[in-house]
Amino acid sequence: MDITLIQASELDSETLANISKRAFETDIDYGGTGVNGPPGYDSPAFYTRILRFMSSYCIMLNDNIVGGIMANIRGKHGVIERVFVDPDHMCKGIGSTAMNQIFSNHREVTLWTLGTPEWNIRAKPFYEKLGFRQVGWDYSEPTFRGRWYEKKIGEESAFTPIKSLKDGLSNLLIEGEVVEKSQPRMVKSKKTGEALTVGNAAIKDDSGRVVMVIWGEQLKLVKVGDRIRVEGGYTNNYLDILQLNVGYGRLIILI
């Protein structure tokens, strides 16, 4: 089999959405609770949109598109956001070959991460066979927790030391221990006017410490003594205090 990756374009969005729909809906046979998938899994518009800010590829078998793989590349850190293969071509080594090719395409990346629902009984052995190991839990989805995996390539660290943080940074990869946590407080959203719960925690690594802002349900999950990771975070100054924010990134509770 001639398995290759080619850069996806908007012309491929409908094909990718159709394959994605059929692929993810087979999860019902592997622990899924219904015939569904991740956000936008069956939407051509969704795939057109993510082409603009992710490294997105069609998985080709000979001259035919049989799957897709999307990665968010942040310097030395790469996140596999989505990978899927047409059900008619599953269990033939196509997914594994595609994953290894994306590693080769982005040799600048020294740390790869990805997540999968805890219930997905086929994803766990697939990723572990590729050299990923579970390092934590992702609670981004309200209905289930996700296993969070990493694969290190080489010795160069992809993490930013806390002492290096300054105002205005983004796409940060930070890891540390929660050494303090404030009581929650209620604030009003400037955009919607709704009441929101927010709190602060002090995060420490070997180089220093920083105040992290935590919103909503995640505030209940984070406890003093936990080791956590922020992937895709950003910094800002508030009342002359440097703050680390999760934003649209992920907050991982390490194990």
Protein backbone atom coordinates (compact mmCIF):
# COMPACT_ATOMS: atom_id res chain seq x y z
CA MET A 1 0.00 0.00 0.00
CA ASP A 2 1.23 3.50 -0.90
CA ILE A 3 0.20 5.62 2.09
CA THR A 4 1.12 9.32 2.00
CA LEU A 5 0.05 12.65 3.48
CA ILE A 6 -0.84 15.64 1.32
CA GLN A 7 -1.73 19.12 2.51
CA ALA A 8 -5.52 19.44 2.69
CA SER A 9 -7.33 22.27 0.92
CA GLU A 10 -10.85 23.66 1.04
CA LEU A 11 -11.70 21.43 -1.92
CA ASP A 12 -11.17 18.42 0.36
CA SER A 13 -13.45 19.62 3.17
CA GLU A 14 -16.58 17.76 2.08
CA THR A 15 -14.68 14.51 1.54
CA LEU A 16 -12.95 14.82 4.91
CA ALA A 17 -16.26 15.54 6.66
CA ASN A 18 -17.91 12.49 5.06
CA ILE A 19 -15.06 10.17 6.06
CA SER A 20 -14.87 11.73 9.53
CA LYS A 21 -18.60 11.19 10.06
CA ARG A 22 -18.42 7.52 9.17
CA ALA A 23 -15.20 6.97 11.15
CA PHE A 24 -16.25 8.60 14.42
CA GLU A 25 -19.70 7.04 14.37
CA THR A 26 -18.08 3.59 14.60
CA ASP A 27 -16.99 4.57 18.14
CA ILE A 28 -20.35 3.27 19.33
CA ASP A 29 -18.82 -0.21 18.94
CA TYR A 30 -15.81 0.75 21.12
CA GLY A 31 -17.37 2.32 24.21
CA GLY A 32 -19.22 5.29 22.73
CA THR A 33 -22.60 6.17 24.17
CA GLY A 34 -24.23 7.17 20.89
CA VAL A 35 -23.82 7.70 17.15
CA ASN A 36 -21.90 10.96 17.24
CA GLY A 37 -18.41 12.42 17.30
CA PRO A 38 -16.31 15.40 18.39
CA PRO A 39 -17.44 18.97 17.58
CA GLY A 40 -17.79 19.56 13.84
CA TYR A 41 -16.92 15.99 12.95
CA ASP A 42 -19.56 15.85 10.16
CA SER A 43 -19.33 19.47 8.97
CA PRO A 44 -17.45 20.53 5.80
CA ALA A 45 -17.50 24.12 7.12
CA PHE A 46 -15.68 22.98 10.26
CA TYR A 47 -12.88 21.37 8.26
CA THR A 48 -12.63 24.41 6.00
CA ARG A 49 -12.23 26.58 9.10
CA ILE A 50 -9.51 24.54 10.80
CA LEU A 51 -7.45 24.44 7.59
CA ARG A 52 -6.72 28.10 8.25
CA PHE A 53 -4.88 27.61 11.55
CA MET A 54 -3.83 23.96 11.79
CA SER A 55 -1.46 21.74 9.84
CA SER A 56 -4.13 19.65 8.10
CA TYR A 57 -3.49 16.65 5.89
CA CYS A 58 -5.42 14.18 3.79
CA ILE A 59 -4.34 10.58 4.33
CA MET A 60 -3.93 9.11 0.87
CA LEU A 61 -4.08 5.45 -0.10
CA ASN A 62 -2.65 5.39 -3.60
CA ASP A 63 -4.64 8.29 -5.15
CA ASN A 64 -7.66 8.19 -2.86
CA ILE A 65 -8.41 10.14 0.33
CA VAL A 66 -9.05 7.61 3.10
CA GLY A 67 -8.68 9.80 6.18
CA GLY A 68 -7.45 12.99 7.73
CA ILE A 69 -5.05 14.22 10.39
CA MET A 70 -4.95 17.70 11.93
CA ALA A 71 -2.17 19.03 14.17
CA ASN A 72 -1.69 22.28 16.05
CA ILE A 73 2.02 23.06 15.86
CA ARG A 74 3.32 25.44 18.56
CA GLY A 75 7.07 25.53 18.03
CA LYS A 76 8.57 22.51 19.75
CA HIS A 77 5.12 21.36 20.91
CA GLY A 78 2.64 19.66 18.61
CA VAL A 79 -0.94 18.64 19.46
CA ILE A 80 -2.69 15.98 17.39
CA GLU A 81 -6.18 17.45 17.40
CA ARG A 82 -7.86 14.88 15.16
CA VAL A 83 -7.03 11.71 13.23
CA PHE A 84 -9.49 9.42 11.45
CA VAL A 85 -9.53 6.70 8.81
CA ASP A 86 -12.37 5.47 6.60
CA PRO A 87 -14.00 2.44 8.29
CA ASP A 88 -13.50 0.46 5.07
CA HIS A 89 -9.74 0.84 5.52
CA MET A 90 -9.34 0.52 9.29
CA CYS A 91 -7.01 -2.06 10.89
CA LYS A 92 -4.60 -2.00 7.94
CA GLY A 93 -1.84 0.13 9.51
CA ILE A 94 -2.94 3.28 7.69
CA GLY A 95 -3.45 5.35 10.84
CA SER A 96 -0.09 4.33 12.30
CA THR A 97 1.71 5.11 9.05
CA ALA A 98 0.04 8.52 8.83
CA MET A 99 1.00 9.37 12.42
CA ASN A 100 4.63 8.45 11.82
CA GLN A 101 4.65 10.57 8.68
CA ILE A 102 3.38 13.64 10.51
CA PHE A 103 6.16 13.15 13.06
CA SER A 104 8.63 13.15 10.15
CA ASN A 105 6.99 16.20 8.55
CA HIS A 106 7.49 18.24 11.75
CA ARG A 107 10.93 17.34 13.03
CA GLU A 108 11.06 20.60 14.97
CA VAL A 109 8.52 19.15 17.41
CA THR A 110 10.07 17.48 20.47
CA LEU A 111 6.84 16.87 22.39
CA TRP A 112 3.61 15.56 20.89
CA THR A 113 0.40 15.47 22.92
CA LEU A 114 -3.14 14.30 22.27
CA GLY A 115 -6.30 13.25 24.09
CA THR A 116 -8.95 10.59 23.79
CA PRO A 117 -12.13 9.85 25.77
CA GLU A 118 -11.60 7.45 28.67
CA TRP A 119 -14.33 5.19 27.29
CA ASN A 120 -12.65 4.68 23.90
CA ILE A 121 -11.26 1.14 24.18
CA ARG A 122 -9.57 1.11 20.76
CA ALA A 123 -7.78 4.47 21.00
CA LYS A 124 -5.74 3.55 24.08
CA PRO A 125 -3.79 0.60 22.54
CA PHE A 126 -3.46 2.46 19.21
CA TYR A 127 -1.70 5.46 20.75
CA GLU A 128 0.36 3.42 23.19
CA LYS A 129 1.67 1.28 20.33
CA LEU A 130 2.89 4.50 18.71
CA GLY A 131 4.92 5.36 21.82
CA PHE A 132 2.50 7.68 23.61
CA ARG A 133 2.04 7.37 27.37
CA GLN A 134 -0.74 8.75 29.49
CA VAL A 135 0.41 11.66 31.68
CA GLY A 136 -2.86 13.08 32.91
CA TRP A 137 -6.60 13.70 32.63
CA ASP A 138 -8.38 16.33 30.54
CA TYR A 139 -11.74 17.54 31.87
CA SER A 140 -12.62 19.86 28.97
CA GLU A 141 -15.71 17.85 28.04
CA PRO A 142 -18.58 18.12 30.53
CA THR A 143 -19.83 14.53 30.07
CA PHE A 144 -16.59 12.53 30.37
CA ARG A 145 -12.93 12.88 31.20
CA GLY A 146 -10.24 12.34 28.61
CA ARG A 147 -6.95 10.51 28.80
CA TRP A 148 -4.08 12.88 27.99
CA TYR A 149 -1.00 11.44 26.29
CA GLU A 150 2.47 12.60 25.36
CA LYS A 151 5.28 11.34 23.16
CA LYS A 152 8.74 12.83 23.59
CA ILE A 153 11.16 12.96 20.66
CA GLY A 154 14.71 13.89 21.61
CA GLU A 155 15.97 15.59 24.75
CA GLU A 156 15.18 19.25 24.02
CA SER A 157 12.42 20.52 26.29
CA ALA A 158 9.29 22.10 24.82
CA PHE A 159 8.24 23.62 28.17
CA THR A 160 8.59 27.29 29.10
CA PRO A 161 10.10 27.85 32.58
CA ILE A 162 7.87 29.98 34.76
CA LYS A 163 10.71 32.44 35.39
CA SER A 164 10.68 33.23 31.63
CA LEU A 165 7.04 34.34 31.59
CA LYS A 166 6.19 37.94 30.77
CA ASP A 167 3.15 39.87 29.63
CA GLY A 168 1.71 39.09 26.21
CA LEU A 169 2.94 35.53 25.60
CA SER A 170 0.70 32.92 23.98
CA ASN A 171 0.67 29.23 23.00
CA LEU A 172 2.51 28.43 26.23
CA LEU A 173 3.32 24.99 27.58
CA ILE A 174 3.69 25.24 31.37
CA GLU A 175 3.94 22.55 34.03
CA GLY A 176 4.07 22.94 37.79
CA GLU A 177 2.67 22.23 41.22
CA VAL A 178 -0.33 24.00 42.76
CA VAL A 179 1.00 25.48 46.01
CA GLU A 180 -1.85 27.87 46.88
CA LYS A 181 -5.47 28.33 45.87
CA SER A 182 -7.89 31.17 46.57
CA GLN A 183 -11.55 30.94 47.48
CA PRO A 184 -13.90 31.20 44.46
CA ARG A 185 -15.58 34.51 43.75
CA MET A 186 -18.41 35.55 41.46
CA VAL A 187 -17.91 38.05 38.65
CA LYS A 188 -20.13 39.29 35.85
CA SER A 189 -19.18 38.61 32.24
CA LYS A 190 -18.49 41.82 30.32
CA LYS A 191 -19.83 40.21 27.13
CA THR A 192 -22.98 38.43 28.29
CA GLY A 193 -23.66 39.79 31.78
CA GLU A 194 -23.94 36.26 33.22
CA ALA A 195 -22.48 35.39 36.62
CA LEU A 196 -19.20 33.44 36.44
CA THR A 197 -17.08 31.70 39.05
CA VAL A 198 -13.37 32.46 39.09
CA GLY A 199 -10.40 31.92 41.37
CA ASN A 200 -6.62 32.05 41.45
CA ALA A 201 -3.94 29.48 42.13
CA ALA A 202 -0.20 29.81 42.60
CA ILE A 203 1.73 27.47 40.28
CA LYS A 204 5.39 26.67 40.99
CA ASP A 205 8.15 24.94 39.04
CA ASP A 206 11.90 24.72 39.69
CA SER A 207 12.42 28.23 38.30
CA GLY A 208 9.68 30.26 40.02
CA ARG A 209 5.96 30.73 40.55
CA VAL A 210 3.07 32.50 38.84
CA VAL A 211 -0.59 33.30 39.53
CA MET A 212 -2.98 31.30 37.36
CA VAL A 213 -6.60 32.29 36.72
CA ILE A 214 -9.06 29.37 36.81
CA TRP A 215 -12.69 29.58 35.72
CA GLY A 216 -15.87 27.60 36.35
CA GLU A 217 -15.86 23.87 36.95
CA GLN A 218 -12.08 23.62 36.52
CA LEU A 219 -11.69 25.54 39.78
CA LYS A 220 -13.30 22.63 41.64
CA LEU A 221 -10.94 20.11 40.04
CA VAL A 222 -7.65 21.81 40.88
CA LYS A 223 -6.35 21.14 44.39
CA VAL A 224 -3.30 22.25 46.34
CA GLY A 225 -0.60 19.64 45.82
CA ASP A 226 -1.73 18.71 42.30
CA ARG A 227 0.72 18.79 39.46
CA ILE A 228 -0.88 20.41 36.44
CA ARG A 229 -0.05 21.30 32.86
CA VAL A 230 -1.35 24.22 30.81
CA GLU A 231 -1.17 23.67 27.05
CA GLY A 232 -1.81 26.64 24.78
CA GLY A 233 -2.06 29.16 27.62
CA TYR A 234 -1.32 32.88 27.57
CA THR A 235 -0.17 35.63 29.94
CA ASN A 236 -1.42 39.11 30.76
CA ASN A 237 -0.95 41.74 33.43
CA TYR A 238 -3.86 42.55 35.73
CA LEU A 239 -3.37 45.26 38.37
CA ASP A 240 0.40 44.95 37.74
CA ILE A 241 0.32 41.21 38.52
CA LEU A 242 1.44 38.73 35.85
CA GLN A 243 -1.23 36.08 35.29
CA LEU A 244 -1.25 32.75 33.45
CA ASN A 245 -4.54 31.94 31.70
CA VAL A 246 -5.79 28.73 30.10
CA GLY A 247 -7.99 30.57 27.59
CA TYR A 248 -8.78 28.29 24.65
CA GLY A 249 -5.97 25.95 25.70
CA ARG A 250 -6.18 22.92 27.97
CA LEU A 251 -5.73 22.40 31.69
CA ILE A 252 -4.43 18.88 32.39
CA ILE A 253 -4.35 17.28 35.83
CA LEU A 254 -1.17 15.18 35.81
CA ILE A 255 -0.98 11.68 37.26
